[in-house]
Structure formats: C-alpha cells, structure tokens
Amino acid sequence: MTKDEILLAQKEYLFPSVFHYFAEPLVISHAKNQFVWDADGKQYLDFFGGIVTISVGHCNDRVDTAVREQSAKLQHVSTVLVNEPQVALAKTIAGIAPGNLQKSFFTNSGTEANETAILAARCYTGSSEVIALRYSYHGRSALGMAMSGLSTWRLGGGAPPGFVFAHNAYCYRCPFGLTYPGCDVRCARDLEELIRTTTSGSIAAFIAEPIQGVAGYITPPKEYFPIVEEIVRRHGGLFIADEVQTGWGRTGDKWFGIEQWGVQPDILTSAKGLGNGAPIGLTIARPEIADSVKGLTLSTFGGNPVATTAARAVIEFIEEENLRANAAETGAYLRSRLEELQAKYSLIGDVRGMGLMQAMELVRNRETKEPASRETLAVMEAVRERGVLVGKGGLAGNVLRCTPPLNIGKSDVDHFVRVLDESFAQVG
C-alpha cells in the first residue's frame, strides 16, 4: 500500500477515537534501535519509545532472535495448558520483584493487568471500595477508565460505585496552594479524610502509578507514598503499584519505580517495556493474595510462549547491559540538559521526572501557569520536522514527555536537546 492508501484505509476502517499527535498522521514503515523511518524514508530519533514501550531498542537483535526461535517451536497454548516460557518468566520476575511478590498472572496489556489486580484485591479483602489518584491513568477498558482520574480519557459515562479519588502530589500545581516541603505533604495526609468521609472505612485497595504517565510524569516527593501506604494499610487496604510505564529500570537503578520510595506493594502490575513491543501484561501479588482468587478464570493469550519469551529476553538484556544504571546516569544528564533549556525559555514552566522518564510542562506565563497547549503541539511539529519524535501528556495536553530506550547514549541526548533548542526558538 502507498502512504495515501494507508491513510485512507486508516480513516475508513479504524475507530476515529484513536488519536494522533500530528495534523497529518505519521505513517511508520520500519524501525531499528533508537530510530524509526516513515513511509517517505525519513529517519527519526525516537524519544518516546512507542509510548514508553520500547525499553531496549526497536527490533532488538537478541530479543528478536529469542522470539524467532520460540515461534518456530511453540506459538500458543493458552493458560489451560502449562508451558515452560511462562513459568520461566514468572520465576525470573519473582526473583527481582520487591517485597514478597511471588505469584504472577499474565495477560495482554496494562489494562488487563490492572483489572486483574482489582479483582485480586477485592477477593482477598472482601471489600469492593478502591482509591485511585486524581490525574491517574489505568487503562482503556470500562473499569480502567473508571479508575482513571483524567477526564480526557474517561469515555462513555462516569465511574461505577466503589471508586474514589485522592489528591495526587502535583507539586507544580498544588491543589492546596502550598509549597513543598513546608506543606507537610498535605496531599498525602488528606487520604485519611477521604477514607473517613467517602468510603465505609474498610477499603479493598489503593492503586497508583509511582510516576503518573499520561498526566505528564507527575513525580511525588519522597514522603508521599510512605505516608499513603501507612494510611491505606491501617484501613485494611492493599497497595497496588501500577508499573505499566515506570517498570523495568525506567526510573534508574531500581527494577521498579515504587522502590524509589521504599514502599513494598501487595500487588504490582506492568506491561509496555516488559515486552519491548510484544503484547504482555503482568499482575504479580503476594502468594496469599493470588491464592484468594478462586473459581474459574483464564487468559486465552496471556502467558503466550512467544510473548513471555520476549519478556524474559528483555529482562536479561537489561540486566546484562546494566541498563538500569544507564537509565540513572543518562537520565540525570538528560535532566540537566532540559533544565538548561528551562533557564533559556520561559515557555518551560516545570521540568520533572526520574531516570529516563523526563517531562517539560509548557506554560504561557510562569506566574499564572496558564497551560501552553497550542505551543506544545507547535514544538512537537517543529521537533518532528527536524527528525525527532517526542510524546505529549497532561490534562491540558501541555507536557512534553521524553522516554527514549534505556540503552540510549549521551550523544543522542545531545542531538535531542539541540533539536529541542531550535524548536523552542522557532515557536518563541
């Protein structure tokens, strides 16, 4: 198909709710390592990684070799039959997961992983009430949208009974009008009042992204999650860490983002970077929680031998290439370069994130913090014209998201920042 035929078929045969960043959708032809090429043959440095999914580079040779070998041997059996790749992956993850997380359930996406986590929490506690965070995103299913605290991603009506939303630690736009650290982390302590006034007092779970992805990489201060964890456990709830975007070394040094706050979750979910593009979702829980899910259930494609083989190869590559350390070191370098741009351009109101998960929130006025939504799109277009791809997020769509592969180098960071500099100068 030609580029025009692809775009026409996209318009005629796919749901229009599938969004695109650009006025003319970008048609991707092929990719390798940190680069993608469009249908016209133009090369782009990919600094968004397929929405935080390409963790070890596009078409990674070692991962692809493992996938080809497994595809020639066994492609599918479903969860009703046992296969070695699924068991081997589960054992590997149990060996690196925080705390006493041991038993896994594999699905196809982060959405399904989070649904499984909520099911397990409700089965274990006997309660149905769940606390999520404002600005959160937990998936595109009906339940996933119901527990997402972003109005722009909630389609088809409001949340069903059983979900309430706590304040997140959005320090740049504190809902209490306070400034950290003099605020005493009121956003976290307010959870006590939320439980007392909007729940029965006995909750099933609290679910949170360690760093809120779609919201624009909102990163809590060090005290936030330990305070929240204590309150949640005191009220009988489980702590669910949604690591769909923050897992697998993305935040630097640690395997999982929540470890940066010293919290041991009862259930952890993930997807995206685990498969490096292969469809896989993970829910791992403490044994007694996993064992509380009784009765019949399955995932037809969950635990697929090919997908689990890819995931294990990804984990091995990250470990052997020391990419968690690279995420910390190169991420710190990226952060310093972005802060240089912030000092240069008043359009950049905030720079935040951790490891190779960095964001810039754009505002028209640093005093009023009016979101610069149109300017954000203009910068993205200017960056694209110069052969670089970057993501977007935030409730107002005014946050640039940077999540390159974990094996990115400082020379790529320099090129990325140079292109950003030129683009900000163009937009003004």
Protein backbone atom coordinates (compact mmCIF):
# COMPACT_ATOMS: atom_id res chain seq x y z
CA MET A 1 0.00 0.00 0.00
CA THR A 2 1.12 3.54 -0.69
CA LYS A 3 1.22 6.16 2.03
CA ASP A 4 -2.02 7.74 0.76
CA GLU A 5 -3.73 4.34 0.62
CA ILE A 6 -2.68 3.62 4.20
CA LEU A 7 -4.05 6.95 5.42
CA LEU A 8 -7.32 6.43 3.55
CA ALA A 9 -7.73 2.94 4.99
CA GLN A 10 -6.98 4.33 8.46
CA LYS A 11 -9.83 6.81 8.04
CA GLU A 12 -12.31 4.32 6.60
CA TYR A 13 -11.71 1.21 8.69
CA LEU A 14 -10.48 2.24 12.16
CA PHE A 15 -12.27 3.90 15.07
CA PRO A 16 -11.78 7.69 14.86
CA SER A 17 -11.18 7.84 18.63
CA VAL A 18 -7.67 6.50 18.04
CA PHE A 19 -5.71 9.71 18.46
CA HIS A 20 -2.72 11.05 16.54
CA TYR A 21 -0.26 13.73 17.59
CA PHE A 22 0.07 15.49 14.25
CA ALA A 23 -2.23 17.18 11.76
CA GLU A 24 -1.22 14.52 9.25
CA PRO A 25 -0.74 11.15 10.95
CA LEU A 26 2.82 9.85 10.75
CA VAL A 27 2.99 6.58 8.81
CA ILE A 28 5.85 4.45 10.15
CA SER A 29 7.49 1.97 7.81
CA HIS A 30 10.24 0.33 9.87
CA ALA A 31 12.47 0.83 12.91
CA LYS A 32 15.80 -0.20 14.40
CA ASN A 33 17.34 0.56 17.79
CA GLN A 34 16.60 4.23 18.65
CA PHE A 35 15.36 5.15 15.16
CA VAL A 36 12.14 4.84 13.15
CA TRP A 37 11.54 5.63 9.47
CA ASP A 38 8.35 6.93 7.90
CA ALA A 39 6.75 5.84 4.62
CA ASP A 40 8.71 8.54 2.78
CA GLY A 41 12.01 7.17 4.06
CA LYS A 42 12.71 9.93 6.58
CA GLN A 43 14.59 8.87 9.72
CA TYR A 44 13.53 9.97 13.22
CA LEU A 45 15.26 9.69 16.58
CA ASP A 46 12.54 8.13 18.76
CA PHE A 47 12.47 9.80 22.17
CA PHE A 48 9.06 8.45 23.14
CA GLY A 49 9.67 4.75 22.55
CA GLY A 50 6.23 3.70 21.36
CA ILE A 51 4.52 5.29 24.38
CA VAL A 52 7.12 4.12 26.93
CA THR A 53 7.19 0.63 25.44
CA ILE A 54 10.46 0.27 23.53
CA SER A 55 12.72 -0.36 26.50
CA VAL A 56 15.74 -1.94 24.79
CA GLY A 57 15.53 -0.50 21.29
CA HIS A 58 13.35 -1.22 18.26
CA CYS A 59 13.80 -4.72 16.82
CA ASN A 60 16.45 -5.60 19.40
CA ASP A 61 18.59 -8.36 17.86
CA ARG A 62 18.82 -10.54 20.95
CA VAL A 63 15.12 -10.27 21.77
CA ASP A 64 14.11 -10.90 18.17
CA THR A 65 16.36 -13.97 17.95
CA ALA A 66 14.72 -15.46 21.04
CA VAL A 67 11.27 -14.70 19.60
CA ARG A 68 12.05 -16.34 16.25
CA GLU A 69 13.38 -19.47 17.91
CA GLN A 70 10.32 -19.75 20.16
CA SER A 71 7.92 -19.06 17.26
CA ALA A 72 9.37 -22.00 15.38
CA LYS A 73 8.89 -24.24 18.40
CA LEU A 74 5.60 -23.30 20.12
CA GLN A 75 3.48 -20.22 19.47
CA HIS A 76 0.35 -20.69 21.57
CA VAL A 77 -1.38 -22.99 24.05
CA SER A 78 -3.42 -20.64 26.35
CA THR A 79 -3.38 -20.71 30.13
CA VAL A 80 -5.27 -24.03 30.38
CA LEU A 81 -2.04 -25.83 29.44
CA VAL A 82 1.37 -25.40 31.04
CA ASN A 83 4.37 -24.15 29.08
CA GLU A 84 7.98 -23.54 30.09
CA PRO A 85 8.40 -19.93 28.84
CA GLN A 86 5.53 -18.69 31.02
CA VAL A 87 6.81 -20.48 34.12
CA ALA A 88 10.39 -19.37 33.49
CA LEU A 89 9.33 -15.74 33.15
CA ALA A 90 7.23 -15.89 36.33
CA LYS A 91 10.19 -17.33 38.26
CA THR A 92 12.51 -14.64 36.89
CA ILE A 93 10.16 -11.82 37.85
CA ALA A 94 9.60 -13.24 41.34
CA GLY A 95 13.37 -13.07 41.80
CA ILE A 96 13.56 -9.33 41.13
CA ALA A 97 10.17 -8.07 42.36
CA PRO A 98 10.11 -6.03 45.58
CA GLY A 99 8.97 -7.49 48.88
CA ASN A 100 7.15 -10.80 48.91
CA LEU A 101 5.61 -10.58 45.47
CA GLN A 102 5.76 -14.10 44.07
CA LYS A 103 2.78 -15.30 42.01
CA SER A 104 2.07 -13.87 38.55
CA PHE A 105 -0.89 -13.76 36.19
CA PHE A 106 -0.06 -12.84 32.60
CA THR A 107 -2.41 -11.03 30.25
CA ASN A 108 -2.00 -8.94 27.09
CA SER A 109 -1.89 -5.35 28.30
CA GLY A 110 -1.61 -2.99 31.23
CA THR A 111 -5.37 -2.51 31.16
CA GLU A 112 -5.96 -6.22 31.77
CA ALA A 113 -3.19 -6.32 34.36
CA ASN A 114 -4.89 -3.58 36.38
CA GLU A 115 -8.29 -5.26 36.11
CA THR A 116 -6.72 -8.45 37.46
CA ALA A 117 -5.18 -6.51 40.34
CA ILE A 118 -8.52 -5.00 41.36
CA LEU A 119 -10.17 -8.43 41.16
CA ALA A 120 -7.49 -9.95 43.39
CA ALA A 121 -7.72 -7.13 45.94
CA ARG A 122 -11.49 -7.47 46.18
CA CYS A 123 -11.30 -11.25 46.53
CA TYR A 124 -8.66 -11.03 49.26
CA THR A 125 -10.16 -8.24 51.35
CA GLY A 126 -13.86 -8.88 50.80
CA SER A 127 -14.30 -5.16 50.16
CA SER A 128 -15.13 -3.50 46.84
CA GLU A 129 -14.03 0.07 47.56
CA VAL A 130 -10.93 1.26 45.71
CA ILE A 131 -8.99 4.51 45.99
CA ALA A 132 -7.24 5.87 42.91
CA LEU A 133 -5.48 9.18 42.33
CA ARG A 134 -6.57 12.27 40.50
CA TYR A 135 -4.66 12.64 37.20
CA SER A 136 -4.13 8.86 37.08
CA TYR A 137 -4.46 6.62 34.03
CA HIS A 138 -5.05 2.88 34.39
CA GLY A 139 -6.32 1.68 31.02
CA ARG A 140 -8.88 1.95 28.26
CA SER A 141 -11.45 -0.69 29.36
CA ALA A 142 -14.63 0.37 31.16
CA LEU A 143 -13.07 -0.47 34.54
CA GLY A 144 -9.72 1.02 33.54
CA MET A 145 -11.35 4.32 32.64
CA ALA A 146 -13.49 4.21 35.77
CA MET A 147 -10.39 4.23 37.96
CA SER A 148 -8.57 6.84 35.87
CA GLY A 149 -8.54 10.37 37.22
CA LEU A 150 -8.20 12.17 33.89
CA SER A 151 -11.42 13.48 32.37
CA THR A 152 -9.91 13.50 28.87
CA TRP A 153 -9.55 9.71 28.99
CA ARG A 154 -12.91 8.82 30.55
CA LEU A 155 -15.37 7.87 27.82
CA GLY A 156 -18.92 6.57 27.99
CA GLY A 157 -20.06 7.90 31.36
CA GLY A 158 -18.93 8.17 34.96
CA ALA A 159 -17.36 5.72 37.33
CA PRO A 160 -19.38 2.86 38.82
CA PRO A 161 -19.82 2.75 42.60
CA GLY A 162 -16.74 1.80 44.57
CA PHE A 163 -14.13 4.26 43.28
CA VAL A 164 -13.00 7.45 44.99
CA PHE A 165 -10.11 9.72 44.03
CA ALA A 166 -7.41 11.07 46.32
CA HIS A 167 -5.20 14.08 45.70
CA ASN A 168 -2.01 13.34 43.81
CA ALA A 169 1.29 15.03 44.61
CA TYR A 170 1.21 17.59 41.79
CA CYS A 171 3.64 19.99 43.44
CA TYR A 172 3.81 22.31 40.42
CA ARG A 173 0.04 22.84 40.67
CA CYS A 174 -0.64 22.08 44.34
CA PRO A 175 -4.42 21.82 44.87
CA PHE A 176 -3.94 23.30 48.36
CA GLY A 177 -1.90 26.26 47.14
CA LEU A 178 1.07 25.20 49.25
CA THR A 179 4.77 24.80 48.54
CA TYR A 180 6.87 21.71 49.26
CA PRO A 181 8.41 20.97 51.75
CA GLY A 182 6.62 23.47 54.00
CA CYS A 183 3.30 21.89 53.00
CA ASP A 184 3.87 18.86 55.29
CA VAL A 185 2.75 16.79 52.25
CA ARG A 186 -0.89 17.63 52.89
CA CYS A 187 -1.94 15.85 49.67
CA ALA A 188 -0.85 12.55 51.22
CA ARG A 189 -2.31 13.20 54.67
CA ASP A 190 -5.64 14.18 53.13
CA LEU A 191 -6.15 10.50 52.29
CA GLU A 192 -7.26 9.92 55.89
CA GLU A 193 -10.10 12.42 55.47
CA LEU A 194 -11.04 10.95 52.08
CA ILE A 195 -11.40 7.46 53.56
CA ARG A 196 -13.33 8.78 56.56
CA THR A 197 -15.84 10.76 54.51
CA THR A 198 -16.26 8.94 51.19
CA THR A 199 -15.83 5.23 52.00
CA SER A 200 -17.16 2.76 54.53
CA GLY A 201 -13.79 2.95 56.26
CA SER A 202 -12.75 -0.52 55.13
CA ILE A 203 -11.16 -0.38 51.69
CA ALA A 204 -10.01 -3.04 49.24
CA ALA A 205 -7.07 -1.21 47.73
CA PHE A 206 -5.23 1.92 46.79
CA ILE A 207 -3.84 1.96 43.24
CA ALA A 208 -1.26 4.43 41.96
CA GLU A 209 1.37 4.94 39.30
CA PRO A 210 4.67 5.77 41.06
CA ILE A 211 5.09 8.48 38.41
CA GLN A 212 1.86 9.41 36.66
CA GLY A 213 2.48 8.77 32.99
CA VAL A 214 -0.34 10.15 30.86
CA ALA A 215 -0.68 13.03 33.34
CA GLY A 216 2.75 14.25 32.29
CA TYR A 217 5.20 12.42 34.56
CA ILE A 218 3.96 13.92 37.80
CA THR A 219 6.55 12.79 40.35
CA PRO A 220 5.74 12.78 44.10
CA PRO A 221 8.18 13.91 46.78
CA LYS A 222 9.96 11.24 48.82
CA GLU A 223 7.48 11.37 51.74
CA TYR A 224 4.29 10.93 49.69
CA PHE A 225 3.97 7.19 49.19
CA PRO A 226 5.26 6.13 52.65
CA ILE A 227 2.59 8.34 54.26
CA VAL A 228 -0.10 7.00 51.92
CA GLU A 229 1.00 3.40 52.48
CA GLU A 230 0.62 3.70 56.26
CA ILE A 231 -2.88 5.15 55.97
CA VAL A 232 -4.00 2.53 53.43
CA ARG A 233 -2.75 -0.40 55.48
CA ARG A 234 -4.28 0.98 58.68
CA HIS A 235 -7.66 0.86 56.94
CA GLY A 236 -7.21 -2.72 55.74
CA GLY A 237 -6.42 -1.90 52.12
CA LEU A 238 -3.82 -3.31 49.77
CA PHE A 239 -1.24 -1.16 48.00
CA ILE A 240 -1.24 -1.68 44.22
CA ALA A 241 1.66 -0.21 42.24
CA ASP A 242 0.78 0.39 38.60
CA GLU A 243 4.21 0.00 36.98
CA VAL A 244 2.96 -0.16 33.39
CA GLN A 245 5.15 2.82 32.49
CA THR A 246 7.66 3.01 35.38
CA GLY A 247 8.83 -0.61 35.47
CA TRP A 248 11.92 -2.45 34.19
CA GLY A 249 14.55 0.12 35.14
CA ARG A 250 12.88 3.13 33.56
CA THR A 251 13.34 5.31 36.68
CA GLY A 252 17.00 4.35 37.08
CA ASP A 253 18.93 1.84 39.27
CA LYS A 254 15.84 0.03 40.60
CA TRP A 255 13.78 -2.51 38.66
CA PHE A 256 10.52 -0.82 39.66
CA GLY A 257 9.54 2.78 40.27
CA ILE A 258 7.86 2.23 43.62
CA GLU A 259 11.20 1.03 45.01
CA GLN A 260 12.44 4.62 44.70
CA TRP A 261 10.05 5.48 47.57
CA GLY A 262 10.94 2.45 49.72
CA VAL A 263 7.41 1.01 49.55
CA GLN A 264 6.71 -2.70 49.15
CA PRO A 265 3.41 -3.16 47.29
CA ASP A 266 1.00 -6.03 47.86
CA ILE A 267 0.24 -6.22 44.13
CA LEU A 268 2.25 -4.86 41.22
CA THR A 269 1.14 -4.53 37.62
CA SER A 270 3.14 -3.87 34.48
CA ALA A 271 3.22 -4.17 30.69
CA LYS A 272 4.74 -1.93 27.97
CA GLY A 273 8.53 -2.06 28.47
CA LEU A 274 8.38 -5.67 29.66
CA GLY A 275 7.70 -6.87 26.14
CA ASN A 276 9.58 -4.19 24.17
CA GLY A 277 6.63 -4.20 21.78
CA ALA A 278 5.32 -7.72 22.35
CA PRO A 279 1.79 -7.67 23.87
CA ILE A 280 2.08 -8.73 27.51
CA GLY A 281 0.59 -7.66 30.82
CA LEU A 282 1.72 -8.71 34.29
CA THR A 283 -0.02 -8.86 37.65
CA ILE A 284 2.19 -10.18 40.47
CA ALA A 285 0.99 -10.47 44.06
CA ARG A 286 1.85 -11.86 47.45
CA PRO A 287 1.05 -15.61 47.45
CA GLU A 288 -1.90 -15.37 49.83
CA ILE A 289 -3.49 -12.65 47.69
CA ALA A 290 -3.05 -14.62 44.48
CA ASP A 291 -4.45 -17.72 46.19
CA SER A 292 -7.60 -15.82 47.22
CA VAL A 293 -8.74 -15.64 43.58
CA LYS A 294 -10.76 -18.84 43.49
CA GLY A 295 -13.06 -20.28 40.86
CA LEU A 296 -12.61 -20.45 37.11
CA THR A 297 -10.69 -17.85 35.15
CA LEU A 298 -8.27 -17.78 32.23
CA SER A 299 -6.49 -15.54 29.77
CA THR A 300 -6.61 -17.03 26.29
CA PHE A 301 -3.49 -15.22 25.11
CA GLY A 302 -1.98 -14.39 28.49
CA GLY A 303 1.25 -16.26 29.15
CA ASN A 304 1.71 -16.82 25.43
CA PRO A 305 5.03 -18.66 24.87
CA VAL A 306 6.29 -16.13 22.32
CA ALA A 307 5.38 -13.04 24.38
CA THR A 308 6.81 -14.49 27.60
CA THR A 309 9.99 -15.50 25.78
CA ALA A 310 10.35 -11.93 24.52
CA ALA A 311 9.80 -10.56 28.02
CA ARG A 312 12.42 -12.80 29.58
CA ALA A 313 14.90 -11.81 26.88
CA VAL A 314 14.17 -8.14 27.63
CA ILE A 315 14.85 -8.62 31.35
CA GLU A 316 18.08 -10.49 30.62
CA PHE A 317 19.23 -7.77 28.21
CA ILE A 318 18.52 -5.01 30.74
CA GLU A 319 20.46 -6.92 33.41
CA GLU A 320 23.42 -7.93 31.27
CA GLU A 321 23.82 -4.49 29.68
CA ASN A 322 23.42 -2.73 33.04
CA LEU A 323 20.66 -0.55 31.62
CA ARG A 324 19.18 0.38 34.99
CA ALA A 325 22.43 2.18 35.76
CA ASN A 326 22.40 3.76 32.30
CA ALA A 327 18.87 5.00 32.90
CA ALA A 328 20.05 6.69 36.07
CA GLU A 329 23.23 8.20 34.61
CA THR A 330 21.96 9.18 31.17
CA GLY A 331 18.63 10.20 32.69
CA ALA A 332 20.42 12.61 35.03
CA TYR A 333 22.32 14.01 32.06
CA LEU A 334 19.08 14.44 30.09
CA ARG A 335 17.51 16.17 33.09
CA SER A 336 20.39 18.64 33.37
CA ARG A 337 20.17 19.46 29.67
CA LEU A 338 16.40 20.01 29.89
CA GLU A 339 16.92 22.32 32.86
CA GLU A 340 19.35 24.33 30.73
CA LEU A 341 16.53 24.82 28.24
CA GLN A 342 14.18 25.80 31.07
CA ALA A 343 16.58 28.55 32.08
CA LYS A 344 16.65 29.74 28.48
CA TYR A 345 12.94 29.60 27.54
CA SER A 346 10.16 30.98 29.75
CA LEU A 347 7.73 28.69 27.93
CA ILE A 348 9.10 25.80 30.01
CA GLY A 349 7.43 26.10 33.39
CA ASP A 350 8.49 22.84 35.03
CA VAL A 351 10.94 20.01 34.41
CA ARG A 352 10.30 16.78 36.29
CA GLY A 353 10.64 13.01 36.22
CA MET A 354 13.16 10.36 37.15
CA GLY A 355 15.71 8.35 35.20
CA LEU A 356 14.83 8.12 31.52
CA MET A 357 11.31 9.34 32.19
CA GLN A 358 11.50 13.12 31.94
CA ALA A 359 8.93 15.80 31.14
CA MET A 360 8.63 19.52 30.50
CA GLU A 361 5.38 21.32 31.28
CA LEU A 362 4.85 24.29 28.99
CA VAL A 363 3.06 27.42 30.19
CA ARG A 364 2.34 30.80 28.62
CA ASN A 365 3.10 32.63 31.84
CA ARG A 366 5.19 31.29 34.70
CA GLU A 367 3.22 33.29 37.24
CA THR A 368 -0.28 32.24 36.18
CA LYS A 369 0.89 28.84 34.86
CA GLU A 370 -1.63 29.04 32.02
CA PRO A 371 -1.18 25.80 30.01
CA ALA A 372 0.53 26.34 26.65
CA SER A 373 -1.39 23.62 24.79
CA ARG A 374 -1.14 25.07 21.29
CA GLU A 375 2.53 25.88 21.77
CA THR A 376 3.17 22.29 22.87
CA LEU A 377 1.77 20.99 19.59
CA ALA A 378 3.81 23.57 17.70
CA VAL A 379 7.01 22.42 19.41
CA MET A 380 6.17 18.79 18.63
CA GLU A 381 5.64 19.64 14.96
CA ALA A 382 8.91 21.59 14.86
CA VAL A 383 10.74 18.69 16.51
CA ARG A 384 9.22 16.25 14.04
CA GLU A 385 10.30 18.37 11.10
CA ARG A 386 13.86 18.08 12.41
CA GLY A 387 13.69 14.28 12.63
CA VAL A 388 12.89 13.66 16.29
CA LEU A 389 9.78 12.21 17.94
CA VAL A 390 8.63 13.12 21.44
CA GLY A 391 5.43 12.40 23.38
CA LYS A 392 2.73 14.55 24.91
CA GLY A 393 0.67 14.38 28.08
CA GLY A 394 -1.04 16.36 30.81
CA LEU A 395 -4.69 17.16 31.42
CA ALA A 396 -4.37 20.19 29.13
CA GLY A 397 -2.03 18.48 26.68
CA ASN A 398 0.81 20.86 27.56
CA VAL A 399 3.51 18.45 28.71
CA LEU A 400 6.30 17.08 26.51
CA ARG A 401 7.21 13.51 27.51
CA CYS A 402 10.68 12.06 26.93
CA THR A 403 11.17 8.30 27.28
CA PRO A 404 13.87 7.01 24.92
CA PRO A 405 15.06 3.38 25.03
CA LEU A 406 17.04 2.51 28.15
CA ASN A 407 20.18 1.90 26.07
CA ILE A 408 20.22 5.45 24.70
CA GLY A 409 23.55 7.31 24.81
CA LYS A 410 24.56 10.83 25.79
CA SER A 411 25.29 11.72 22.15
CA ASP A 412 21.62 11.00 21.35
CA VAL A 413 20.61 13.20 24.28
CA ASP A 414 22.77 16.00 22.92
CA HIS A 415 21.16 15.69 19.49
CA PHE A 416 17.69 15.62 21.05
CA VAL A 417 18.33 18.73 23.14
CA ARG A 418 19.84 20.57 20.17
CA VAL A 419 16.68 19.89 18.16
CA LEU A 420 14.51 20.97 21.11
CA ASP A 421 16.52 24.18 21.42
CA GLU A 422 16.00 25.02 17.76
CA SER A 423 12.30 24.15 18.00
CA PHE A 424 11.67 26.32 21.08
CA ALA A 425 13.48 29.19 19.36
CA GLN A 426 11.20 28.75 16.34
CA VAL A 427 7.98 28.64 18.36
CA GLY A 428 9.04 31.60 20.51
